Amino acid sequence: MHVNHLFSYLFSSKKTLLYTTFLRKDYFRTAAVLTQSGVDYRTAVIHHKPVVREVPYSDGLTSEYRFYVRKKNYHQADSMVSSQL
């Protein structure tokens, strides 16, 4: 995806941030819930550089997963995700 397209998509007034996680299992669980409920969504994966020294309880997390939905679907998607997580 071209950087300008990604930037305009992520900051478009037609999309809104629904959920952010650093855990891969939560990423897959959230994607499954949204897919099963029929809500269209997009994700952004932000890769962070690993830290030189391990932060306690971080489990070496280096990726951030963000879920975006249309504003009109936000409340439906939020209730579906909140009830499953």
N, C-alpha and C. Protein backbone atom coordinates (compact mmCIF):
# COMPACT_ATOMS: atom_id res chain seq x y z
N MET A 1 0.85 -1.17 0.00
CA MET A 1 0.00 0.00 0.00
C MET A 1 0.90 1.23 0.00
N HIS A 2 0.61 2.16 -0.85
CA HIS A 2 1.39 3.38 -0.96
C HIS A 2 1.26 4.20 0.33
N VAL A 3 2.33 4.85 0.74
CA VAL A 3 2.36 5.57 2.02
C VAL A 3 1.30 6.67 2.06
N ASN A 4 1.14 7.42 0.98
CA ASN A 4 0.13 8.48 0.97
C ASN A 4 -1.28 7.91 1.09
N HIS A 5 -1.52 6.78 0.43
CA HIS A 5 -2.84 6.14 0.52
C HIS A 5 -3.09 5.65 1.95
N LEU A 6 -2.09 5.03 2.54
CA LEU A 6 -2.22 4.54 3.92
C LEU A 6 -2.48 5.71 4.86
N PHE A 7 -1.73 6.79 4.72
CA PHE A 7 -1.91 7.95 5.59
C PHE A 7 -3.31 8.52 5.44
N SER A 8 -3.79 8.69 4.22
CA SER A 8 -5.13 9.25 4.04
C SER A 8 -6.21 8.31 4.53
N TYR A 9 -5.99 7.00 4.40
CA TYR A 9 -6.96 6.03 4.90
C TYR A 9 -7.04 6.07 6.43
N LEU A 10 -5.89 6.05 7.07
CA LEU A 10 -5.87 6.00 8.53
C LEU A 10 -6.43 7.27 9.16
N PHE A 11 -6.27 8.39 8.50
CA PHE A 11 -6.73 9.64 9.08
C PHE A 11 -7.98 10.17 8.39
N SER A 12 -8.65 9.33 7.63
CA SER A 12 -9.87 9.71 6.96
C SER A 12 -10.98 9.93 7.98
N SER A 13 -11.83 10.88 7.70
CA SER A 13 -12.96 11.15 8.60
C SER A 13 -14.00 10.04 8.52
N LYS A 14 -13.87 9.15 7.54
CA LYS A 14 -14.83 8.06 7.38
C LYS A 14 -14.46 6.83 8.21
N LYS A 15 -13.28 6.81 8.79
CA LYS A 15 -12.84 5.68 9.59
C LYS A 15 -12.50 6.17 10.99
N THR A 16 -12.64 5.29 11.96
CA THR A 16 -12.29 5.65 13.32
C THR A 16 -11.62 4.47 14.00
N LEU A 17 -10.73 4.77 14.90
CA LEU A 17 -10.01 3.73 15.63
C LEU A 17 -10.97 3.03 16.58
N LEU A 18 -11.01 1.72 16.48
CA LEU A 18 -11.88 0.92 17.33
C LEU A 18 -11.11 0.30 18.48
N TYR A 19 -9.96 -0.30 18.19
CA TYR A 19 -9.28 -1.11 19.20
C TYR A 19 -7.80 -1.19 18.87
N THR A 20 -6.97 -1.18 19.90
CA THR A 20 -5.53 -1.33 19.74
C THR A 20 -5.04 -2.41 20.70
N THR A 21 -4.15 -3.27 20.23
CA THR A 21 -3.57 -4.30 21.08
C THR A 21 -2.14 -4.56 20.67
N PHE A 22 -1.38 -5.11 21.59
CA PHE A 22 -0.02 -5.53 21.32
C PHE A 22 0.08 -7.05 21.31
N LEU A 23 -1.01 -7.72 21.63
CA LEU A 23 -1.01 -9.18 21.72
C LEU A 23 -1.56 -9.80 20.44
N ARG A 24 -0.82 -10.73 19.88
CA ARG A 24 -1.24 -11.39 18.65
C ARG A 24 -2.54 -12.16 18.84
N LYS A 25 -2.71 -12.80 20.00
CA LYS A 25 -3.94 -13.56 20.23
C LYS A 25 -5.16 -12.65 20.25
N ASP A 26 -5.03 -11.42 20.79
CA ASP A 26 -6.13 -10.47 20.78
C ASP A 26 -6.40 -9.96 19.36
N TYR A 27 -5.34 -9.85 18.57
CA TYR A 27 -5.51 -9.45 17.17
C TYR A 27 -6.39 -10.47 16.44
N PHE A 28 -6.05 -11.75 16.57
CA PHE A 28 -6.82 -12.78 15.87
C PHE A 28 -8.24 -12.90 16.42
N ARG A 29 -8.39 -12.76 17.72
CA ARG A 29 -9.72 -12.83 18.32
C ARG A 29 -10.60 -11.67 17.84
N THR A 30 -10.05 -10.47 17.82
CA THR A 30 -10.81 -9.30 17.38
C THR A 30 -11.16 -9.41 15.90
N ALA A 31 -10.23 -9.85 15.08
CA ALA A 31 -10.50 -10.03 13.66
C ALA A 31 -11.61 -11.05 13.44
N ALA A 32 -11.60 -12.13 14.21
CA ALA A 32 -12.64 -13.16 14.07
C ALA A 32 -14.00 -12.61 14.47
N VAL A 33 -14.06 -11.86 15.57
CA VAL A 33 -15.33 -11.29 16.02
C VAL A 33 -15.91 -10.34 14.98
N LEU A 34 -15.08 -9.46 14.44
CA LEU A 34 -15.56 -8.50 13.46
C LEU A 34 -15.98 -9.19 12.16
N THR A 35 -15.23 -10.19 11.75
CA THR A 35 -15.57 -10.93 10.53
C THR A 35 -16.89 -11.67 10.70
N GLN A 36 -17.05 -12.35 11.83
CA GLN A 36 -18.28 -13.11 12.08
C GLN A 36 -19.50 -12.20 12.20
N SER A 37 -19.31 -10.99 12.70
CA SER A 37 -20.44 -10.06 12.84
C SER A 37 -20.72 -9.30 11.56
N GLY A 38 -19.86 -9.45 10.56
CA GLY A 38 -20.09 -8.81 9.27
C GLY A 38 -19.69 -7.35 9.21
N VAL A 39 -18.89 -6.90 10.16
CA VAL A 39 -18.44 -5.51 10.17
C VAL A 39 -17.17 -5.38 9.35
N ASP A 40 -17.18 -4.48 8.37
CA ASP A 40 -15.97 -4.22 7.59
C ASP A 40 -14.97 -3.47 8.45
N TYR A 41 -13.73 -3.87 8.36
CA TYR A 41 -12.68 -3.24 9.16
C TYR A 41 -11.37 -3.25 8.39
N ARG A 42 -10.47 -2.43 8.84
CA ARG A 42 -9.10 -2.40 8.33
C ARG A 42 -8.19 -2.46 9.54
N THR A 43 -7.00 -2.97 9.31
CA THR A 43 -6.01 -3.00 10.38
C THR A 43 -4.74 -2.29 9.94
N ALA A 44 -4.04 -1.79 10.91
CA ALA A 44 -2.72 -1.23 10.70
C ALA A 44 -1.80 -1.93 11.69
N VAL A 45 -0.67 -2.38 11.21
CA VAL A 45 0.31 -3.03 12.07
C VAL A 45 1.53 -2.13 12.11
N ILE A 46 1.87 -1.69 13.30
CA ILE A 46 3.02 -0.83 13.48
C ILE A 46 4.10 -1.64 14.18
N HIS A 47 5.22 -1.76 13.51
CA HIS A 47 6.34 -2.53 14.07
C HIS A 47 7.27 -1.58 14.81
N HIS A 48 7.48 -1.88 16.07
CA HIS A 48 8.38 -1.09 16.90
C HIS A 48 9.72 -1.82 16.99
N LYS A 49 10.77 -1.05 17.12
CA LYS A 49 12.08 -1.67 17.28
C LYS A 49 12.12 -2.38 18.63
N PRO A 50 12.69 -3.58 18.66
CA PRO A 50 12.80 -4.27 19.96
C PRO A 50 13.73 -3.49 20.89
N VAL A 51 13.39 -3.54 22.14
CA VAL A 51 14.22 -2.84 23.13
C VAL A 51 15.47 -3.66 23.41
N VAL A 52 16.55 -2.96 23.70
CA VAL A 52 17.81 -3.65 23.99
C VAL A 52 17.68 -4.42 25.29
N ARG A 53 17.12 -3.77 26.29
CA ARG A 53 16.87 -4.41 27.58
C ARG A 53 15.40 -4.77 27.66
N GLU A 54 15.13 -5.95 28.05
CA GLU A 54 13.75 -6.42 28.17
C GLU A 54 13.02 -5.64 29.27
N VAL A 55 11.87 -5.11 28.94
CA VAL A 55 11.03 -4.44 29.92
C VAL A 55 10.24 -5.51 30.66
N PRO A 56 10.19 -5.46 31.98
CA PRO A 56 9.46 -6.49 32.73
C PRO A 56 8.02 -6.62 32.25
N TYR A 57 7.55 -7.84 32.07
CA TYR A 57 6.18 -8.18 31.67
C TYR A 57 5.83 -7.75 30.25
N SER A 58 6.82 -7.37 29.43
CA SER A 58 6.51 -6.94 28.07
C SER A 58 6.40 -8.10 27.10
N ASP A 59 6.94 -9.26 27.47
CA ASP A 59 6.95 -10.44 26.61
C ASP A 59 7.59 -10.16 25.25
N GLY A 60 8.46 -9.17 25.18
CA GLY A 60 9.15 -8.85 23.94
C GLY A 60 8.23 -8.32 22.86
N LEU A 61 7.16 -7.64 23.23
CA LEU A 61 6.19 -7.16 22.26
C LEU A 61 6.80 -6.07 21.38
N THR A 62 6.69 -6.27 20.08
CA THR A 62 7.27 -5.30 19.16
C THR A 62 6.29 -4.84 18.09
N SER A 63 5.08 -5.38 18.07
CA SER A 63 4.09 -4.97 17.07
C SER A 63 2.84 -4.45 17.75
N GLU A 64 2.28 -3.40 17.17
CA GLU A 64 1.04 -2.81 17.65
C GLU A 64 -0.01 -3.02 16.56
N TYR A 65 -1.17 -3.54 16.94
CA TYR A 65 -2.24 -3.83 15.99
C TYR A 65 -3.40 -2.87 16.25
N ARG A 66 -3.80 -2.15 15.21
CA ARG A 66 -4.91 -1.19 15.34
C ARG A 66 -6.03 -1.59 14.38
N PHE A 67 -7.25 -1.56 14.90
CA PHE A 67 -8.44 -1.87 14.11
C PHE A 67 -9.23 -0.59 13.86
N TYR A 68 -9.58 -0.37 12.60
CA TYR A 68 -10.36 0.80 12.20
C TYR A 68 -11.67 0.33 11.56
N VAL A 69 -12.76 1.04 11.87
CA VAL A 69 -14.06 0.74 11.28
C VAL A 69 -14.69 2.05 10.80
N ARG A 70 -15.73 1.90 10.00
CA ARG A 70 -16.48 3.09 9.58
C ARG A 70 -17.17 3.68 10.80
N LYS A 71 -17.27 4.99 10.80
CA LYS A 71 -17.90 5.66 11.94
C LYS A 71 -19.31 5.16 12.19
N LYS A 72 -20.04 4.89 11.12
CA LYS A 72 -21.43 4.45 11.28
C LYS A 72 -21.52 3.05 11.92
N ASN A 73 -20.45 2.27 11.84
CA ASN A 73 -20.43 0.91 12.42
C ASN A 73 -19.72 0.85 13.77
N TYR A 74 -19.26 1.99 14.26
CA TYR A 74 -18.43 1.99 15.46
C TYR A 74 -19.14 1.37 16.66
N HIS A 75 -20.34 1.80 16.97
CA HIS A 75 -21.03 1.33 18.18
C HIS A 75 -21.33 -0.17 18.11
N GLN A 76 -21.74 -0.64 16.95
CA GLN A 76 -21.99 -2.08 16.78
C GLN A 76 -20.70 -2.86 16.98
N ALA A 77 -19.64 -2.41 16.33
CA ALA A 77 -18.35 -3.12 16.43
C ALA A 77 -17.80 -3.05 17.85
N ASP A 78 -17.94 -1.92 18.49
CA ASP A 78 -17.44 -1.77 19.86
C ASP A 78 -18.15 -2.71 20.81
N SER A 79 -19.46 -2.85 20.68
CA SER A 79 -20.19 -3.74 21.57
C SER A 79 -19.82 -5.21 21.30
N MET A 80 -19.60 -5.56 20.03
CA MET A 80 -19.22 -6.93 19.69
C MET A 80 -17.84 -7.26 20.25
N VAL A 81 -16.88 -6.38 20.06
CA VAL A 81 -15.52 -6.61 20.51
C VAL A 81 -15.46 -6.61 22.04
N SER A 82 -16.15 -5.68 22.67
CA SER A 82 -16.14 -5.58 24.14
C SER A 82 -16.73 -6.82 24.79
N SER A 83 -17.75 -7.39 24.17
CA SER A 83 -18.38 -8.57 24.78
C SER A 83 -17.54 -9.82 24.60
N GLN A 84 -16.64 -9.85 23.62
CA GLN A 84 -15.84 -11.04 23.35
C GLN A 84 -14.46 -11.03 24.01
N LEU A 85 -13.99 -9.85 24.37
CA LEU A 85 -12.63 -9.76 24.95
C LEU A 85 -12.66 -9.65 26.44
